Structures are given as structure tokens and as C-alpha cells.
PDB file of N, CA and C in Angstrom:
ATOM      1  N   UNK A   1       0.851  -1.174   0.000  1.00  0.00           N
ATOM      2  CA  UNK A   1       0.000   0.000   0.000  1.00  0.00           C
ATOM      3  C   UNK A   1       0.894   1.234   0.000  1.00  0.00           C
ATOM      4  N   UNK A   2       0.611   2.167  -0.874  1.00  0.00           N
ATOM      5  CA  UNK A   2       1.388   3.397  -0.843  1.00  0.00           C
ATOM      6  C   UNK A   2       0.727   4.398   0.098  1.00  0.00           C
ATOM      7  N   UNK A   3       1.419   5.462   0.376  1.00  0.00           N
ATOM      8  CA  UNK A   3       0.961   6.429   1.371  1.00  0.00           C
ATOM      9  C   UNK A   3      -0.386   7.053   1.017  1.00  0.00           C
ATOM     10  N   UNK A   4      -0.668   7.245  -0.257  1.00  0.00           N
ATOM     11  CA  UNK A   4      -1.932   7.873  -0.655  1.00  0.00           C
ATOM     12  C   UNK A   4      -3.136   6.986  -0.346  1.00  0.00           C
ATOM     13  N   UNK A   5      -2.917   5.694  -0.134  1.00  0.00           N
ATOM     14  CA  UNK A   5      -4.001   4.773   0.191  1.00  0.00           C
ATOM     15  C   UNK A   5      -4.135   4.532   1.692  1.00  0.00           C
ATOM     16  N   UNK A   6      -3.239   5.078   2.469  1.00  0.00           N
ATOM     17  CA  UNK A   6      -3.221   4.851   3.903  1.00  0.00           C
ATOM     18  C   UNK A   6      -4.348   5.618   4.578  1.00  0.00           C
ATOM     19  N   UNK A   7      -5.024   4.989   5.514  1.00  0.00           N
ATOM     20  CA  UNK A   7      -6.104   5.635   6.254  1.00  0.00           C
ATOM     21  C   UNK A   7      -5.789   5.557   7.737  1.00  0.00           C
ATOM     22  N   UNK A   8      -6.099   6.612   8.444  1.00  0.00           N
ATOM     23  CA  UNK A   8      -5.892   6.587   9.884  1.00  0.00           C
ATOM     24  C   UNK A   8      -6.963   5.721  10.532  1.00  0.00           C
ATOM     25  N   UNK A   9      -6.696   5.314  11.734  1.00  0.00           N
ATOM     26  CA  UNK A   9      -7.649   4.522  12.504  1.00  0.00           C
ATOM     27  C   UNK A   9      -8.966   5.284  12.650  1.00  0.00           C
ATOM     28  N   UNK A  10      -8.857   6.596  12.886  1.00  0.00           N
ATOM     29  CA  UNK A  10     -10.057   7.439  13.027  1.00  0.00           C
ATOM     30  C   UNK A  10     -10.857   7.467  11.729  1.00  0.00           C
ATOM     31  N   UNK A  11     -10.172   7.615  10.603  1.00  0.00           N
ATOM     32  CA  UNK A  11     -10.845   7.642   9.310  1.00  0.00           C
ATOM     33  C   UNK A  11     -11.568   6.320   9.059  1.00  0.00           C
ATOM     34  N   UNK A  12     -10.930   5.219   9.387  1.00  0.00           N
ATOM     35  CA  UNK A  12     -11.560   3.909   9.192  1.00  0.00           C
ATOM     36  C   UNK A  12     -12.821   3.780  10.035  1.00  0.00           C
ATOM     37  N   UNK A  13     -12.750   4.227  11.269  1.00  0.00           N
ATOM     38  CA  UNK A  13     -13.938   4.158  12.128  1.00  0.00           C
ATOM     39  C   UNK A  13     -15.061   5.025  11.565  1.00  0.00           C
ATOM     40  N   UNK A  14     -14.721   6.226  11.104  1.00  0.00           N
ATOM     41  CA  UNK A  14     -15.735   7.121  10.542  1.00  0.00           C
ATOM     42  C   UNK A  14     -16.383   6.524   9.296  1.00  0.00           C
ATOM     43  N   UNK A  15     -15.633   5.742   8.562  1.00  0.00           N
ATOM     44  CA  UNK A  15     -16.159   5.088   7.361  1.00  0.00           C
ATOM     45  C   UNK A  15     -16.863   3.775   7.677  1.00  0.00           C
ATOM     46  N   UNK A  16     -16.893   3.406   8.965  1.00  0.00           N
ATOM     47  CA  UNK A  16     -17.547   2.168   9.367  1.00  0.00           C
ATOM     48  C   UNK A  16     -16.702   0.932   9.129  1.00  0.00           C
ATOM     49  N   UNK A  17     -15.423   1.118   8.857  1.00  0.00           N
ATOM     50  CA  UNK A  17     -14.526  -0.009   8.620  1.00  0.00           C
ATOM     51  C   UNK A  17     -13.954  -0.513   9.938  1.00  0.00           C
ATOM     52  N   UNK A  18     -13.505  -1.738   9.931  1.00  0.00           N
ATOM     53  CA  UNK A  18     -12.863  -2.329  11.105  1.00  0.00           C
ATOM     54  C   UNK A  18     -11.507  -1.654  11.312  1.00  0.00           C
ATOM     55  N   UNK A  19     -11.238  -1.248  12.549  1.00  0.00           N
ATOM     56  CA  UNK A  19      -9.965  -0.598  12.873  1.00  0.00           C
ATOM     57  C   UNK A  19      -9.362  -1.330  14.062  1.00  0.00           C
ATOM     58  N   UNK A  20      -8.594  -2.359  13.775  1.00  0.00           N
ATOM     59  CA  UNK A  20      -7.999  -3.170  14.833  1.00  0.00           C
ATOM     60  C   UNK A  20      -6.912  -2.384  15.555  1.00  0.00           C
ATOM     61  N   UNK A  21      -6.913  -2.522  16.871  1.00  0.00           N
ATOM     62  CA  UNK A  21      -5.933  -1.803  17.684  1.00  0.00           C
ATOM     63  C   UNK A  21      -4.894  -2.783  18.217  1.00  0.00           C
ATOM     64  N   UNK A  22      -3.648  -2.417  18.073  1.00  0.00           N
ATOM     65  CA  UNK A  22      -2.574  -3.268  18.570  1.00  0.00           C
ATOM     66  C   UNK A  22      -2.493  -3.145  20.092  1.00  0.00           C
ATOM     67  N   UNK A  23      -1.910  -4.126  20.764  1.00  0.00           N
ATOM     68  CA  UNK A  23      -1.738  -4.031  22.222  1.00  0.00           C
ATOM     69  C   UNK A  23      -0.957  -2.775  22.628  1.00  0.00           C
ATOM     70  N   UNK A  24       0.030  -2.396  21.845  1.00  0.00           N
ATOM     71  CA  UNK A  24       0.816  -1.198  22.165  1.00  0.00           C
ATOM     72  C   UNK A  24      -0.050   0.056  22.073  1.00  0.00           C
ATOM     73  N   UNK A  25      -0.948   0.100  21.099  1.00  0.00           N
ATOM     74  CA  UNK A  25      -1.852   1.240  20.945  1.00  0.00           C
ATOM     75  C   UNK A  25      -2.789   1.334  22.145  1.00  0.00           C
ATOM     76  N   UNK A  26      -3.314   0.203  22.584  1.00  0.00           N
ATOM     77  CA  UNK A  26      -4.212   0.166  23.742  1.00  0.00           C
ATOM     78  C   UNK A  26      -3.467   0.615  24.997  1.00  0.00           C
ATOM     79  N   UNK A  27      -2.259   0.107  25.195  1.00  0.00           N
ATOM     80  CA  UNK A  27      -1.464   0.488  26.364  1.00  0.00           C
ATOM     81  C   UNK A  27      -1.163   1.982  26.358  1.00  0.00           C
ATOM     82  N   UNK A  28      -0.856   2.526  25.203  1.00  0.00           N
ATOM     83  CA  UNK A  28      -0.592   3.966  25.105  1.00  0.00           C
ATOM     84  C   UNK A  28      -1.835   4.762  25.471  1.00  0.00           C
ATOM     85  N   UNK A  29      -2.994   4.289  25.062  1.00  0.00           N
ATOM     86  CA  UNK A  29      -4.242   4.955  25.421  1.00  0.00           C
ATOM     87  C   UNK A  29      -4.477   4.945  26.917  1.00  0.00           C
ATOM     88  N   UNK A  30      -4.169   3.829  27.571  1.00  0.00           N
ATOM     89  CA  UNK A  30      -4.301   3.734  29.024  1.00  0.00           C
ATOM     90  C   UNK A  30      -3.356   4.711  29.707  1.00  0.00           C
ATOM     91  N   UNK A  31      -2.115   4.759  29.231  1.00  0.00           N
ATOM     92  CA  UNK A  31      -1.118   5.654  29.828  1.00  0.00           C
ATOM     93  C   UNK A  31      -1.534   7.113  29.682  1.00  0.00           C
ATOM     94  N   UNK A  32      -2.082   7.474  28.527  1.00  0.00           N
ATOM     95  CA  UNK A  32      -2.531   8.853  28.312  1.00  0.00           C
ATOM     96  C   UNK A  32      -3.725   9.193  29.207  1.00  0.00           C
ATOM     97  N   UNK A  33      -4.657   8.258  29.342  1.00  0.00           N
ATOM     98  CA  UNK A  33      -5.835   8.494  30.190  1.00  0.00           C
ATOM     99  C   UNK A  33      -5.414   8.645  31.651  1.00  0.00           C
ATOM    100  N   UNK A  34      -4.495   7.812  32.110  1.00  0.00           N
ATOM    101  CA  UNK A  34      -4.000   7.931  33.481  1.00  0.00           C
ATOM    102  C   UNK A  34      -3.281   9.262  33.664  1.00  0.00           C
ATOM    103  N   UNK A  35      -2.423   9.620  32.721  1.00  0.00           N
ATOM    104  CA  UNK A  35      -1.696  10.881  32.807  1.00  0.00           C
ATOM    105  C   UNK A  35      -2.627  12.073  32.886  1.00  0.00           C
ATOM    106  N   UNK A  36      -3.701  12.040  32.112  1.00  0.00           N
ATOM    107  CA  UNK A  36      -4.671  13.134  32.143  1.00  0.00           C
ATOM    108  C   UNK A  36      -5.363  13.195  33.503  1.00  0.00           C
ATOM    109  N   UNK A  37      -5.689  12.039  34.075  1.00  0.00           N
ATOM    110  CA  UNK A  37      -6.340  12.007  35.391  1.00  0.00           C
ATOM    111  C   UNK A  37      -5.414  12.568  36.470  1.00  0.00           C
ATOM    112  N   UNK A  38      -4.133  12.215  36.416  1.00  0.00           N
ATOM    113  CA  UNK A  38      -3.162  12.748  37.378  1.00  0.00           C
ATOM    114  C   UNK A  38      -3.069  14.264  37.224  1.00  0.00           C
ATOM    115  N   UNK A  39      -2.931  14.723  35.999  1.00  0.00           N
ATOM    116  CA  UNK A  39      -2.836  16.160  35.739  1.00  0.00           C
ATOM    117  C   UNK A  39      -4.076  16.894  36.239  1.00  0.00           C
ATOM    118  N   UNK A  40      -5.248  16.370  35.929  1.00  0.00           N
ATOM    119  CA  UNK A  40      -6.490  17.025  36.332  1.00  0.00           C
ATOM    120  C   UNK A  40      -6.613  17.125  37.849  1.00  0.00           C
ATOM    121  N   UNK A  41      -6.288  16.049  38.553  1.00  0.00           N
ATOM    122  CA  UNK A  41      -6.381  16.066  40.010  1.00  0.00           C
ATOM    123  C   UNK A  41      -5.352  17.027  40.602  1.00  0.00           C
ATOM    124  N   UNK A  42      -4.126  16.977  40.083  1.00  0.00           N
ATOM    125  CA  UNK A  42      -3.065  17.850  40.596  1.00  0.00           C
ATOM    126  C   UNK A  42      -3.426  19.312  40.413  1.00  0.00           C
ATOM    127  N   UNK A  43      -3.914  19.661  39.232  1.00  0.00           N
ATOM    128  CA  UNK A  43      -4.247  21.063  38.985  1.00  0.00           C
ATOM    129  C   UNK A  43      -5.494  21.482  39.764  1.00  0.00           C
ATOM    130  N   UNK A  44      -6.417  20.556  40.004  1.00  0.00           N
ATOM    131  CA  UNK A  44      -7.590  20.873  40.822  1.00  0.00           C
ATOM    132  C   UNK A  44      -7.168  21.232  42.249  1.00  0.00           C
ATOM    133  N   UNK A  45      -6.079  20.627  42.693  1.00  0.00           N
ATOM    134  CA  UNK A  45      -5.544  20.936  44.023  1.00  0.00           C
ATOM    135  C   UNK A  45      -4.669  22.187  44.013  1.00  0.00           C
ATOM    136  N   UNK A  46      -4.373  22.701  42.831  1.00  0.00           N
ATOM    137  CA  UNK A  46      -3.520  23.882  42.714  1.00  0.00           C
ATOM    138  C   UNK A  46      -2.061  23.587  43.003  1.00  0.00           C
ATOM    139  N   UNK A  47      -1.628  22.371  42.695  1.00  0.00           N
ATOM    140  CA  UNK A  47      -0.259  21.955  42.998  1.00  0.00           C
ATOM    141  C   UNK A  47       0.613  21.957  41.750  1.00  0.00           C
ATOM    142  N   UNK A  48       1.884  22.275  41.946  1.00  0.00           N
ATOM    143  CA  UNK A  48       2.862  22.087  40.885  1.00  0.00           C
ATOM    144  C   UNK A  48       3.215  20.598  40.862  1.00  0.00           C
ATOM    145  N   UNK A  49       3.965  20.166  39.881  1.00  0.00           N
ATOM    146  CA  UNK A  49       4.391  18.764  39.832  1.00  0.00           C
ATOM    147  C   UNK A  49       5.328  18.425  40.982  1.00  0.00           C
ATOM    148  N   UNK A  50       6.008  19.412  41.515  1.00  0.00           N
ATOM    149  CA  UNK A  50       6.987  19.178  42.575  1.00  0.00           C
ATOM    150  C   UNK A  50       6.343  18.689  43.869  1.00  0.00           C
ATOM    151  N   UNK A  51       5.200  19.252  44.237  1.00  0.00           N
ATOM    152  CA  UNK A  51       4.585  18.901  45.517  1.00  0.00           C
ATOM    153  C   UNK A  51       4.072  17.464  45.573  1.00  0.00           C
ATOM    154  N   UNK A  52       3.285  16.973  44.606  1.00  0.00           N
ATOM    155  CA  UNK A  52       2.906  15.564  44.693  1.00  0.00           C
ATOM    156  C   UNK A  52       4.108  14.627  44.567  1.00  0.00           C
ATOM    157  N   UNK A  53       5.121  15.044  43.831  1.00  0.00           N
ATOM    158  CA  UNK A  53       6.337  14.232  43.741  1.00  0.00           C
ATOM    159  C   UNK A  53       6.976  14.104  45.121  1.00  0.00           C
ATOM    160  N   UNK A  54       7.070  15.200  45.849  1.00  0.00           N
ATOM    161  CA  UNK A  54       7.643  15.171  47.201  1.00  0.00           C
ATOM    162  C   UNK A  54       6.802  14.284  48.113  1.00  0.00           C
ATOM    163  N   UNK A  55       5.487  14.453  48.058  1.00  0.00           N
ATOM    164  CA  UNK A  55       4.587  13.686  48.920  1.00  0.00           C
ATOM    165  C   UNK A  55       4.647  12.181  48.643  1.00  0.00           C
ATOM    166  N   UNK A  56       4.875  11.812  47.385  1.00  0.00           N
ATOM    167  CA  UNK A  56       4.888  10.397  46.989  1.00  0.00           C
ATOM    168  C   UNK A  56       6.291   9.813  46.944  1.00  0.00           C
ATOM    169  N   UNK A  57       7.282  10.585  47.399  1.00  0.00           N
ATOM    170  CA  UNK A  57       8.676  10.150  47.362  1.00  0.00           C
ATOM    171  C   UNK A  57       9.094   9.802  45.924  1.00  0.00           C
ATOM    172  N   UNK A  58       8.763  10.723  45.026  1.00  0.00           N
ATOM    173  CA  UNK A  58       9.100  10.597  43.617  1.00  0.00           C
ATOM    174  C   UNK A  58       9.865  11.849  43.203  1.00  0.00           C
ATOM    175  N   UNK A  59      10.215  11.919  41.934  1.00  0.00           N
ATOM    176  CA  UNK A  59      10.845  13.129  41.413  1.00  0.00           C
ATOM    177  C   UNK A  59       9.839  13.872  40.530  1.00  0.00           C
ATOM    178  N   UNK A  60      10.074  15.153  40.326  1.00  0.00           N
ATOM    179  CA  UNK A  60       9.199  15.927  39.447  1.00  0.00           C
ATOM    180  C   UNK A  60       9.197  15.373  38.028  1.00  0.00           C
ATOM    181  N   UNK A  61      10.367  14.953  37.490  1.00  0.00           N
ATOM    182  CA  UNK A  61      10.340  14.359  36.151  1.00  0.00           C
ATOM    183  C   UNK A  61       9.497  13.082  36.073  1.00  0.00           C
ATOM    184  N   UNK A  62       9.426  12.313  37.155  1.00  0.00           N
ATOM    185  CA  UNK A  62       8.578  11.119  37.145  1.00  0.00           C
ATOM    186  C   UNK A  62       7.103  11.512  37.005  1.00  0.00           C
ATOM    187  N   UNK A  63       6.693  12.558  37.717  1.00  0.00           N
ATOM    188  CA  UNK A  63       5.320  13.044  37.606  1.00  0.00           C
ATOM    189  C   UNK A  63       5.065  13.523  36.178  1.00  0.00           C
ATOM    190  N   UNK A  64       6.004  14.257  35.625  1.00  0.00           N
ATOM    191  CA  UNK A  64       5.880  14.758  34.260  1.00  0.00           C
ATOM    192  C   UNK A  64       5.751  13.607  33.262  1.00  0.00           C
ATOM    193  N   UNK A  65       6.534  12.572  33.447  1.00  0.00           N
ATOM    194  CA  UNK A  65       6.505  11.419  32.552  1.00  0.00           C
ATOM    195  C   UNK A  65       5.155  10.719  32.615  1.00  0.00           C
ATOM    196  N   UNK A  66       4.616  10.562  33.824  1.00  0.00           N
ATOM    197  CA  UNK A  66       3.299   9.934  33.976  1.00  0.00           C
ATOM    198  C   UNK A  66       2.226  10.806  33.340  1.00  0.00           C
ATOM    199  N   UNK A  67       2.252  12.102  33.629  1.00  0.00           N
ATOM    200  CA  UNK A  67       1.253  13.006  33.067  1.00  0.00           C
ATOM    201  C   UNK A  67       1.321  13.062  31.546  1.00  0.00           C
ATOM    202  N   UNK A  68       2.489  12.881  30.990  1.00  0.00           N
ATOM    203  CA  UNK A  68       2.650  12.896  29.540  1.00  0.00           C
ATOM    204  C   UNK A  68       2.261  11.594  28.867  1.00  0.00           C
ATOM    205  N   UNK A  69       1.902  10.588  29.674  1.00  0.00           N
ATOM    206  CA  UNK A  69       1.522   9.301  29.108  1.00  0.00           C
ATOM    207  C   UNK A  69       2.689   8.476  28.631  1.00  0.00           C
ATOM    208  N   UNK A  70       3.892   8.823  29.122  1.00  0.00           N
ATOM    209  CA  UNK A  70       5.099   8.133  28.679  1.00  0.00           C
ATOM    210  C   UNK A  70       5.515   6.997  29.593  1.00  0.00           C
ATOM    211  N   UNK A  71       4.701   6.712  30.626  1.00  0.00           N
ATOM    212  CA  UNK A  71       5.039   5.642  31.557  1.00  0.00           C
ATOM    213  C   UNK A  71       3.772   5.033  32.127  1.00  0.00           C
ATOM    214  N   UNK A  72       3.847   3.756  32.433  1.00  0.00           N
ATOM    215  CA  UNK A  72       2.766   3.067  33.116  1.00  0.00           C
ATOM    216  C   UNK A  72       3.326   2.671  34.490  1.00  0.00           C
ATOM    217  N   UNK A  73       2.925   3.397  35.538  1.00  0.00           N
ATOM    218  CA  UNK A  73       3.486   3.135  36.851  1.00  0.00           C
ATOM    219  C   UNK A  73       2.989   1.830  37.458  1.00  0.00           C
ATOM    220  N   UNK A  74       3.762   1.327  38.405  1.00  0.00           N
ATOM    221  CA  UNK A  74       3.389   0.112  39.121  1.00  0.00           C
ATOM    222  C   UNK A  74       2.224   0.408  40.067  1.00  0.00           C
ATOM    223  N   UNK A  75       1.598  -0.637  40.568  1.00  0.00           N
ATOM    224  CA  UNK A  75       0.509  -0.462  41.530  1.00  0.00           C
ATOM    225  C   UNK A  75       0.996   0.219  42.803  1.00  0.00           C
ATOM    226  N   UNK A  76       2.188  -0.108  43.232  1.00  0.00           N
ATOM    227  CA  UNK A  76       2.757   0.518  44.426  1.00  0.00           C
ATOM    228  C   UNK A  76       2.912   2.025  44.204  1.00  0.00           C
ATOM    229  N   UNK A  77       3.419   2.402  43.062  1.00  0.00           N
ATOM    230  CA  UNK A  77       3.596   3.819  42.745  1.00  0.00           C
ATOM    231  C   UNK A  77       2.251   4.526  42.609  1.00  0.00           C
ATOM    232  N   UNK A  78       1.263   3.860  42.012  1.00  0.00           N
ATOM    233  CA  UNK A  78      -0.071   4.445  41.907  1.00  0.00           C
ATOM    234  C   UNK A  78      -0.692   4.677  43.282  1.00  0.00           C
ATOM    235  N   UNK A  79      -0.450   3.757  44.195  1.00  0.00           N
ATOM    236  CA  UNK A  79      -0.963   3.898  45.560  1.00  0.00           C
ATOM    237  C   UNK A  79      -0.351   5.122  46.225  1.00  0.00           C
ATOM    238  N   UNK A  80       0.959   5.273  46.106  1.00  0.00           N
ATOM    239  CA  UNK A  80       1.631   6.445  46.681  1.00  0.00           C
ATOM    240  C   UNK A  80       1.158   7.734  46.022  1.00  0.00           C
ATOM    241  N   UNK A  81       0.972   7.693  44.713  1.00  0.00           N
ATOM    242  CA  UNK A  81       0.538   8.875  43.981  1.00  0.00           C
ATOM    243  C   UNK A  81      -0.880   9.287  44.392  1.00  0.00           C
ATOM    244  N   UNK A  82      -1.770   8.316  44.544  1.00  0.00           N
ATOM    245  CA  UNK A  82      -3.135   8.625  44.994  1.00  0.00           C
ATOM    246  C   UNK A  82      -3.099   9.271  46.375  1.00  0.00           C
ATOM    247  N   UNK A  83      -2.270   8.756  47.259  1.00  0.00           N
ATOM    248  CA  UNK A  83      -2.133   9.362  48.584  1.00  0.00           C
ATOM    249  C   UNK A  83      -1.601  10.781  48.503  1.00  0.00           C
ATOM    250  N   UNK A  84      -0.641  10.992  47.628  1.00  0.00           N
ATOM    251  CA  UNK A  84      -0.057  12.328  47.460  1.00  0.00           C
ATOM    252  C   UNK A  84      -1.076  13.317  46.913  1.00  0.00           C
ATOM    253  N   UNK A  85      -2.040  12.809  46.163  1.00  0.00           N
ATOM    254  CA  UNK A  85      -3.086  13.658  45.591  1.00  0.00           C
ATOM    255  C   UNK A  85      -4.338  13.662  46.466  1.00  0.00           C
ATOM    256  N   UNK A  86      -4.224  13.134  47.679  1.00  0.00           N
ATOM    257  CA  UNK A  86      -5.305  13.113  48.658  1.00  0.00           C
ATOM    258  C   UNK A  86      -6.589  12.571  48.038  1.00  0.00           C
ATOM    259  N   UNK A  87      -6.465  11.403  47.404  1.00  0.00           N
ATOM    260  CA  UNK A  87      -7.604  10.819  46.707  1.00  0.00           C
ATOM    261  C   UNK A  87      -7.475   9.308  46.633  1.00  0.00           C
ATOM    262  N   UNK A  88      -8.586   8.689  46.293  1.00  0.00           N
ATOM    263  CA  UNK A  88      -8.598   7.268  45.947  1.00  0.00           C
ATOM    264  C   UNK A  88      -8.600   7.177  44.432  1.00  0.00           C
ATOM    265  N   UNK A  89      -7.954   6.160  43.898  1.00  0.00           N
ATOM    266  CA  UNK A  89      -7.893   5.979  42.458  1.00  0.00           C
ATOM    267  C   UNK A  89      -8.731   4.770  42.071  1.00  0.00           C
ATOM    268  N   UNK A  90      -9.699   4.995  41.186  1.00  0.00           N
ATOM    269  CA  UNK A  90     -10.513   3.911  40.651  1.00  0.00           C
ATOM    270  C   UNK A  90     -10.114   3.721  39.196  1.00  0.00           C
ATOM    271  N   UNK A  91      -9.819   2.465  38.844  1.00  0.00           N
ATOM    272  CA  UNK A  91      -9.397   2.137  37.490  1.00  0.00           C
ATOM    273  C   UNK A  91     -10.394   1.150  36.902  1.00  0.00           C
ATOM    274  N   UNK A  92     -10.895   1.464  35.706  1.00  0.00           N
ATOM    275  CA  UNK A  92     -11.778   0.547  34.985  1.00  0.00           C
ATOM    276  C   UNK A  92     -11.135   0.270  33.634  1.00  0.00           C
ATOM    277  N   UNK A  93     -10.865  -1.002  33.383  1.00  0.00           N
ATOM    278  CA  UNK A  93     -10.267  -1.407  32.109  1.00  0.00           C
ATOM    279  C   UNK A  93     -11.184  -2.434  31.464  1.00  0.00           C
ATOM    280  N   UNK A  94     -11.584  -2.194  30.235  1.00  0.00           N
ATOM    281  CA  UNK A  94     -12.346  -3.183  29.497  1.00  0.00           C
ATOM    282  C   UNK A  94     -12.123  -2.985  28.006  1.00  0.00           C
ATOM    283  N   UNK A  95     -12.803  -3.786  27.203  1.00  0.00           N
ATOM    284  CA  UNK A  95     -12.594  -3.744  25.760  1.00  0.00           C
ATOM    285  C   UNK A  95     -13.016  -2.421  25.124  1.00  0.00           C
ATOM    286  N   UNK A  96     -13.989  -1.754  25.738  1.00  0.00           N
ATOM    287  CA  UNK A  96     -14.501  -0.517  25.153  1.00  0.00           C
ATOM    288  C   UNK A  96     -13.704   0.718  25.540  1.00  0.00           C
ATOM    289  N   UNK A  97     -12.811   0.593  26.476  1.00  0.00           N
ATOM    290  CA  UNK A  97     -12.034   1.751  26.893  1.00  0.00           C
ATOM    291  C   UNK A  97     -11.562   1.611  28.319  1.00  0.00           C
ATOM    292  N   UNK A  98     -11.099   2.686  28.847  1.00  0.00           N
ATOM    293  CA  UNK A  98     -10.601   2.671  30.213  1.00  0.00           C
ATOM    294  C   UNK A  98     -10.898   4.014  30.856  1.00  0.00           C
ATOM    295  N   UNK A  99     -11.031   3.980  32.167  1.00  0.00           N
ATOM    296  CA  UNK A  99     -11.192   5.226  32.911  1.00  0.00           C
ATOM    297  C   UNK A  99     -10.325   5.164  34.151  1.00  0.00           C
ATOM    298  N   UNK A 100      -9.801   6.306  34.504  1.00  0.00           N
ATOM    299  CA  UNK A 100      -8.993   6.478  35.698  1.00  0.00           C
ATOM    300  C   UNK A 100      -9.581   7.674  36.430  1.00  0.00           C
ATOM    301  N   UNK A 101     -10.110   7.449  37.625  1.00  0.00           N
ATOM    302  CA  UNK A 101     -10.803   8.501  38.349  1.00  0.00           C
ATOM    303  C   UNK A 101     -10.201   8.664  39.736  1.00  0.00           C
ATOM    304  N   UNK A 102      -9.753   9.868  40.029  1.00  0.00           N
ATOM    305  CA  UNK A 102      -9.304  10.205  41.373  1.00  0.00           C
ATOM    306  C   UNK A 102     -10.488  10.790  42.124  1.00  0.00           C
ATOM    307  N   UNK A 103     -10.876  10.138  43.206  1.00  0.00           N
ATOM    308  CA  UNK A 103     -11.972  10.611  44.046  1.00  0.00           C
ATOM    309  C   UNK A 103     -11.365  11.225  45.295  1.00  0.00           C
ATOM    310  N   UNK A 104     -11.597  12.520  45.504  1.00  0.00           N
ATOM    311  CA  UNK A 104     -11.001  13.198  46.660  1.00  0.00           C
ATOM    312  C   UNK A 104     -11.425  12.553  47.977  1.00  0.00           C
ATOM    313  N   UNK A 105     -10.485  12.496  48.909  1.00  0.00           N
ATOM    314  CA  UNK A 105     -10.818  12.075  50.264  1.00  0.00           C
ATOM    315  C   UNK A 105     -11.610  13.192  50.908  1.00  0.00           C
ATOM    316  N   UNK A 106     -12.564  12.840  51.703  1.00  0.00           N
ATOM    317  CA  UNK A 106     -13.389  13.843  52.378  1.00  0.00           C
ATOM    318  C   UNK A 106     -12.910  13.984  53.809  1.00  0.00           C
ATOM    319  N   UNK A 107     -12.020  14.895  53.989  1.00  0.00           N
ATOM    320  CA  UNK A 107     -11.468  15.162  55.312  1.00  0.00           C
ATOM    321  C   UNK A 107     -11.965  16.521  55.770  1.00  0.00           C
ATOM    322  N   UNK A 108     -12.786  16.543  56.790  1.00  0.00           N
ATOM    323  CA  UNK A 108     -13.290  17.840  57.242  1.00  0.00           C
ATOM    324  C   UNK A 108     -12.190  18.668  57.892  1.00  0.00           C
ATOM    325  N   UNK A 109     -12.243  19.941  57.622  1.00  0.00           N
ATOM    326  CA  UNK A 109     -11.358  20.883  58.288  1.00  0.00           C
ATOM    327  C   UNK A 109     -12.102  21.368  59.518  1.00  0.00           C
ATOM    328  N   UNK A 110     -11.409  21.725  60.593  1.00  0.00           N
ATOM    329  CA  UNK A 110     -12.095  22.152  61.816  1.00  0.00           C
ATOM    330  C   UNK A 110     -13.128  23.251  61.594  1.00  0.00           C
ATOM    331  N   UNK A 111     -12.850  24.178  60.686  1.00  0.00           N
ATOM    332  CA  UNK A 111     -13.799  25.265  60.455  1.00  0.00           C
ATOM    333  C   UNK A 111     -14.951  24.865  59.541  1.00  0.00           C
ATOM    334  N   UNK A 112     -14.904  23.642  58.949  1.00  0.00           N
ATOM    335  CA  UNK A 112     -15.966  23.188  58.071  1.00  0.00           C
ATOM    336  C   UNK A 112     -16.936  22.236  58.767  1.00  0.00           C
ATOM    337  N   UNK A 113     -16.599  21.751  59.951  1.00  0.00           N
ATOM    338  CA  UNK A 113     -17.452  20.774  60.639  1.00  0.00           C
ATOM    339  C   UNK A 113     -18.732  21.459  61.073  1.00  0.00           C
ATOM    340  N   UNK A 114     -19.832  20.766  60.909  1.00  0.00           N
ATOM    341  CA  UNK A 114     -21.124  21.298  61.340  1.00  0.00           C
ATOM    342  C   UNK A 114     -21.636  20.474  62.513  1.00  0.00           C
ATOM    343  N   UNK A 115     -22.612  20.970  63.192  1.00  0.00           N
ATOM    344  CA  UNK A 115     -23.143  20.313  64.363  1.00  0.00           C
ATOM    345  C   UNK A 115     -23.860  19.016  64.081  1.00  0.00           C
ATOM    346  N   UNK A 116     -24.261  18.744  62.823  1.00  0.00           N
ATOM    347  CA  UNK A 116     -25.022  17.540  62.521  1.00  0.00           C
ATOM    348  C   UNK A 116     -24.135  16.367  62.106  1.00  0.00           C
ATOM    349  N   UNK A 117     -22.833  16.501  62.250  1.00  0.00           N
ATOM    350  CA  UNK A 117     -21.932  15.398  61.937  1.00  0.00           C
ATOM    351  C   UNK A 117     -21.516  15.347  60.479  1.00  0.00           C
ATOM    352  N   UNK A 118     -22.072  16.181  59.634  1.00  0.00           N
ATOM    353  CA  UNK A 118     -21.686  16.232  58.234  1.00  0.00           C
ATOM    354  C   UNK A 118     -20.645  17.317  58.030  1.00  0.00           C
ATOM    355  N   UNK A 119     -19.854  17.143  57.015  1.00  0.00           N
ATOM    356  CA  UNK A 119     -18.865  18.178  56.713  1.00  0.00           C
ATOM    357  C   UNK A 119     -18.819  18.372  55.210  1.00  0.00           C
ATOM    358  N   UNK A 120     -18.330  19.495  54.809  1.00  0.00           N
ATOM    359  CA  UNK A 120     -18.208  19.745  53.369  1.00  0.00           C
ATOM    360  C   UNK A 120     -16.777  19.438  52.964  1.00  0.00           C
ATOM    361  N   UNK A 121     -16.612  19.121  51.703  1.00  0.00           N
ATOM    362  CA  UNK A 121     -15.278  18.781  51.196  1.00  0.00           C
ATOM    363  C   UNK A 121     -14.959  19.650  50.008  1.00  0.00           C
ATOM    364  N   UNK A 122     -13.688  19.861  49.794  1.00  0.00           N
ATOM    365  CA  UNK A 122     -13.242  20.673  48.648  1.00  0.00           C
ATOM    366  C   UNK A 122     -13.301  19.874  47.384  1.00  0.00           C
TER     367      UNK A 122
END
């Protein structure tokens, strides 16, 4: 096939054609989705890459690499990273896609506690 006949995966899907994904393509998609979730949570907290790196006993370049989708961290590292981002990490992987969701921990601050036992969270 010459270059003029080449179609992107997106073009094939739009045309209703089968677009098989290689394992490497799927893994890259997972890494990008995780990186975006880390970035979104970090920026929601107003943190630079340096602070969660310090909290998780990592380096700033490691955080950058994860956020860029250039690395798939181990479960141990993900656990430390979730703690550093003051959240729980939920991962859903299936044939149709993947999701990575950081759910903030609900820790009441002394000035946020109400008399009814409920508290608000950021």
C-alpha cells in the first residue's frame, strides 16, 4: 500500500470499517488516560508537579513522565501517587475503553465541621 491509500484509525472508524488496535496502541491509550487524570487532580488541588512528587517520594520528572503518558506506573507507585493527591484511584479497564478517576478524600477541616456530623469537602 502506498501512502496515498493509507487511512488513519479514526478515518476507518468514521467510514464504518474495522480498525484493529494493537496491544501497544491500547497500552498507550491507558497511559494517556491515566496521565490526564493525574494532571487534572493535581491542577484541581492547585499543585505544581513538585509537591505531589515530594509527597509520593518521587521526582518531578517522574510526575511529568506519567502526566505525559510516557510511563505506566506500578501499583505501588499508583498507591503512593493517589495518597499524594489526597484521593482514591478507581481504574476501569475493558474492551470498550478505560477510565482512571481520582476521588477526593473527604477530610473535614475544623472550620468546616457542622453540628449535625456532616462536613463539606473541597
